[in-house]
């Protein structure tokens, strides 16, 4: 991902040389995208967000989310509890 994003940033900078792309601020967009993508691929952060989700919905009886098992969470791995559920297709036609 890192190499892809570097290439994307380089291309964005090259495109700004052309007048038709200069107004778009492509390098800024790529930088913003890189920042948000980095957060999504950090599974420690995803585990933290999942914990927040679990807490936000704890008082609603029929809504459950898997809980991260923190001793098995790293930047590249997330292990979660198993939650028995019903497929959403049972409610959507």
C-alpha atoms as a PDB file:
ATOM      1  CA  UNK A   1       0.000   0.000   0.000  1.00  0.00           C
ATOM      2  CA  UNK A   2       2.810   2.378   0.903  1.00  0.00           C
ATOM      3  CA  UNK A   3       4.456   2.021  -2.518  1.00  0.00           C
ATOM      4  CA  UNK A   4       1.114   2.430  -4.287  1.00  0.00           C
ATOM      5  CA  UNK A   5       0.406   5.617  -2.368  1.00  0.00           C
ATOM      6  CA  UNK A   6       3.855   7.026  -3.106  1.00  0.00           C
ATOM      7  CA  UNK A   7       3.270   6.359  -6.793  1.00  0.00           C
ATOM      8  CA  UNK A   8      -0.180   7.934  -6.625  1.00  0.00           C
ATOM      9  CA  UNK A   9       1.270  11.032  -4.936  1.00  0.00           C
ATOM     10  CA  UNK A  10       4.037  11.276  -7.545  1.00  0.00           C
ATOM     11  CA  UNK A  11       1.467  11.025 -10.348  1.00  0.00           C
ATOM     12  CA  UNK A  12      -0.705  13.679  -8.712  1.00  0.00           C
ATOM     13  CA  UNK A  13       2.274  16.045  -8.567  1.00  0.00           C
ATOM     14  CA  UNK A  14       3.054  15.367 -12.228  1.00  0.00           C
ATOM     15  CA  UNK A  15      -0.522  16.070 -13.282  1.00  0.00           C
ATOM     16  CA  UNK A  16      -0.483  19.482 -11.602  1.00  0.00           C
ATOM     17  CA  UNK A  17       2.016  20.562 -14.281  1.00  0.00           C
ATOM     18  CA  UNK A  18      -0.872  20.576 -16.739  1.00  0.00           C
ATOM     19  CA  UNK A  19      -3.088  23.632 -16.504  1.00  0.00           C
ATOM     20  CA  UNK A  20      -6.263  21.556 -16.788  1.00  0.00           C
ATOM     21  CA  UNK A  21      -5.382  19.699 -13.528  1.00  0.00           C
ATOM     22  CA  UNK A  22      -3.620  22.456 -11.572  1.00  0.00           C
ATOM     23  CA  UNK A  23      -6.805  23.766  -9.933  1.00  0.00           C
ATOM     24  CA  UNK A  24      -7.645  20.327  -8.483  1.00  0.00           C
ATOM     25  CA  UNK A  25      -4.916  20.240  -5.797  1.00  0.00           C
ATOM     26  CA  UNK A  26      -4.432  16.531  -6.444  1.00  0.00           C
ATOM     27  CA  UNK A  27      -1.416  16.131  -4.128  1.00  0.00           C
ATOM     28  CA  UNK A  28      -3.508  17.457  -1.217  1.00  0.00           C
ATOM     29  CA  UNK A  29      -6.287  15.006  -2.042  1.00  0.00           C
ATOM     30  CA  UNK A  30      -3.828  12.103  -2.197  1.00  0.00           C
ATOM     31  CA  UNK A  31      -2.305  13.167   1.134  1.00  0.00           C
ATOM     32  CA  UNK A  32      -5.773  13.262   2.747  1.00  0.00           C
ATOM     33  CA  UNK A  33      -6.657   9.905   1.225  1.00  0.00           C
ATOM     34  CA  UNK A  34      -3.377   8.435   2.500  1.00  0.00           C
ATOM     35  CA  UNK A  35      -4.115   9.667   6.010  1.00  0.00           C
ATOM     36  CA  UNK A  36      -7.605   8.122   6.063  1.00  0.00           C
ATOM     37  CA  UNK A  37      -6.472   4.870   4.474  1.00  0.00           C
ATOM     38  CA  UNK A  38      -3.643   4.495   6.999  1.00  0.00           C
ATOM     39  CA  UNK A  39      -6.202   4.729   9.789  1.00  0.00           C
ATOM     40  CA  UNK A  40      -8.364   2.046   8.217  1.00  0.00           C
ATOM     41  CA  UNK A  41      -5.588  -0.472   7.769  1.00  0.00           C
ATOM     42  CA  UNK A  42      -4.373  -0.058  11.369  1.00  0.00           C
ATOM     43  CA  UNK A  43      -6.360  -2.822  13.037  1.00  0.00           C
ATOM     44  CA  UNK A  44      -5.484  -1.525  16.516  1.00  0.00           C
ATOM     45  CA  UNK A  45      -7.479   1.574  15.648  1.00  0.00           C
ATOM     46  CA  UNK A  46     -10.259  -0.564  14.184  1.00  0.00           C
ATOM     47  CA  UNK A  47     -10.406  -2.533  17.461  1.00  0.00           C
ATOM     48  CA  UNK A  48     -10.667   0.721  19.389  1.00  0.00           C
ATOM     49  CA  UNK A  49     -13.496   1.904  17.115  1.00  0.00           C
ATOM     50  CA  UNK A  50     -15.263  -1.441  17.495  1.00  0.00           C
ATOM     51  CA  UNK A  51     -15.069  -1.128  21.282  1.00  0.00           C
ATOM     52  CA  UNK A  52     -16.612   2.335  21.014  1.00  0.00           C
ATOM     53  CA  UNK A  53     -19.379   0.889  18.809  1.00  0.00           C
ATOM     54  CA  UNK A  54     -20.061  -1.871  21.351  1.00  0.00           C
ATOM     55  CA  UNK A  55     -20.314   0.727  24.125  1.00  0.00           C
ATOM     56  CA  UNK A  56     -22.539   3.062  22.111  1.00  0.00           C
ATOM     57  CA  UNK A  57     -25.089   0.287  21.486  1.00  0.00           C
ATOM     58  CA  UNK A  58     -24.821  -1.543  24.839  1.00  0.00           C
ATOM     59  CA  UNK A  59     -28.303  -0.404  25.991  1.00  0.00           C
ATOM     60  CA  UNK A  60     -30.091  -1.651  22.875  1.00  0.00           C
ATOM     61  CA  UNK A  61     -31.064  -5.270  23.617  1.00  0.00           C
ATOM     62  CA  UNK A  62     -31.192  -6.765  20.115  1.00  0.00           C
ATOM     63  CA  UNK A  63     -28.057  -5.203  18.660  1.00  0.00           C
ATOM     64  CA  UNK A  64     -24.733  -6.934  19.275  1.00  0.00           C
ATOM     65  CA  UNK A  65     -21.267  -6.499  17.826  1.00  0.00           C
ATOM     66  CA  UNK A  66     -18.214  -8.716  18.153  1.00  0.00           C
ATOM     67  CA  UNK A  67     -15.789  -7.553  20.816  1.00  0.00           C
ATOM     68  CA  UNK A  68     -12.072  -7.326  20.083  1.00  0.00           C
ATOM     69  CA  UNK A  69      -9.890  -9.642  22.168  1.00  0.00           C
ATOM     70  CA  UNK A  70      -7.196  -7.086  22.968  1.00  0.00           C
ATOM     71  CA  UNK A  71      -4.328  -9.486  23.689  1.00  0.00           C
ATOM     72  CA  UNK A  72      -4.691 -10.701  20.081  1.00  0.00           C
ATOM     73  CA  UNK A  73      -4.904  -7.284  18.433  1.00  0.00           C
ATOM     74  CA  UNK A  74      -2.021  -5.642  16.585  1.00  0.00           C
ATOM     75  CA  UNK A  75      -1.670  -3.263  13.650  1.00  0.00           C
ATOM     76  CA  UNK A  76      -2.100  -6.160  11.235  1.00  0.00           C
ATOM     77  CA  UNK A  77      -4.329  -8.626  13.174  1.00  0.00           C
ATOM     78  CA  UNK A  78      -7.655  -8.330  14.948  1.00  0.00           C
ATOM     79  CA  UNK A  79      -9.326 -11.237  16.723  1.00  0.00           C
ATOM     80  CA  UNK A  80     -12.929 -10.735  17.780  1.00  0.00           C
ATOM     81  CA  UNK A  81     -15.500 -12.625  19.820  1.00  0.00           C
ATOM     82  CA  UNK A  82     -18.079 -14.748  18.017  1.00  0.00           C
ATOM     83  CA  UNK A  83     -21.576 -13.320  18.223  1.00  0.00           C
ATOM     84  CA  UNK A  84     -24.531 -15.452  17.282  1.00  0.00           C
ATOM     85  CA  UNK A  85     -26.693 -13.587  14.837  1.00  0.00           C
ATOM     86  CA  UNK A  86     -29.344 -13.659  12.180  1.00  0.00           C
ATOM     87  CA  UNK A  87     -28.533 -12.758   8.559  1.00  0.00           C
ATOM     88  CA  UNK A  88     -29.771  -9.291   7.642  1.00  0.00           C
ATOM     89  CA  UNK A  89     -31.395 -10.885   4.581  1.00  0.00           C
ATOM     90  CA  UNK A  90     -34.023 -12.276   6.998  1.00  0.00           C
ATOM     91  CA  UNK A  91     -35.252  -8.692   7.438  1.00  0.00           C
ATOM     92  CA  UNK A  92     -34.702  -7.257   3.967  1.00  0.00           C
ATOM     93  CA  UNK A  93     -36.734  -8.403   1.004  1.00  0.00           C
END
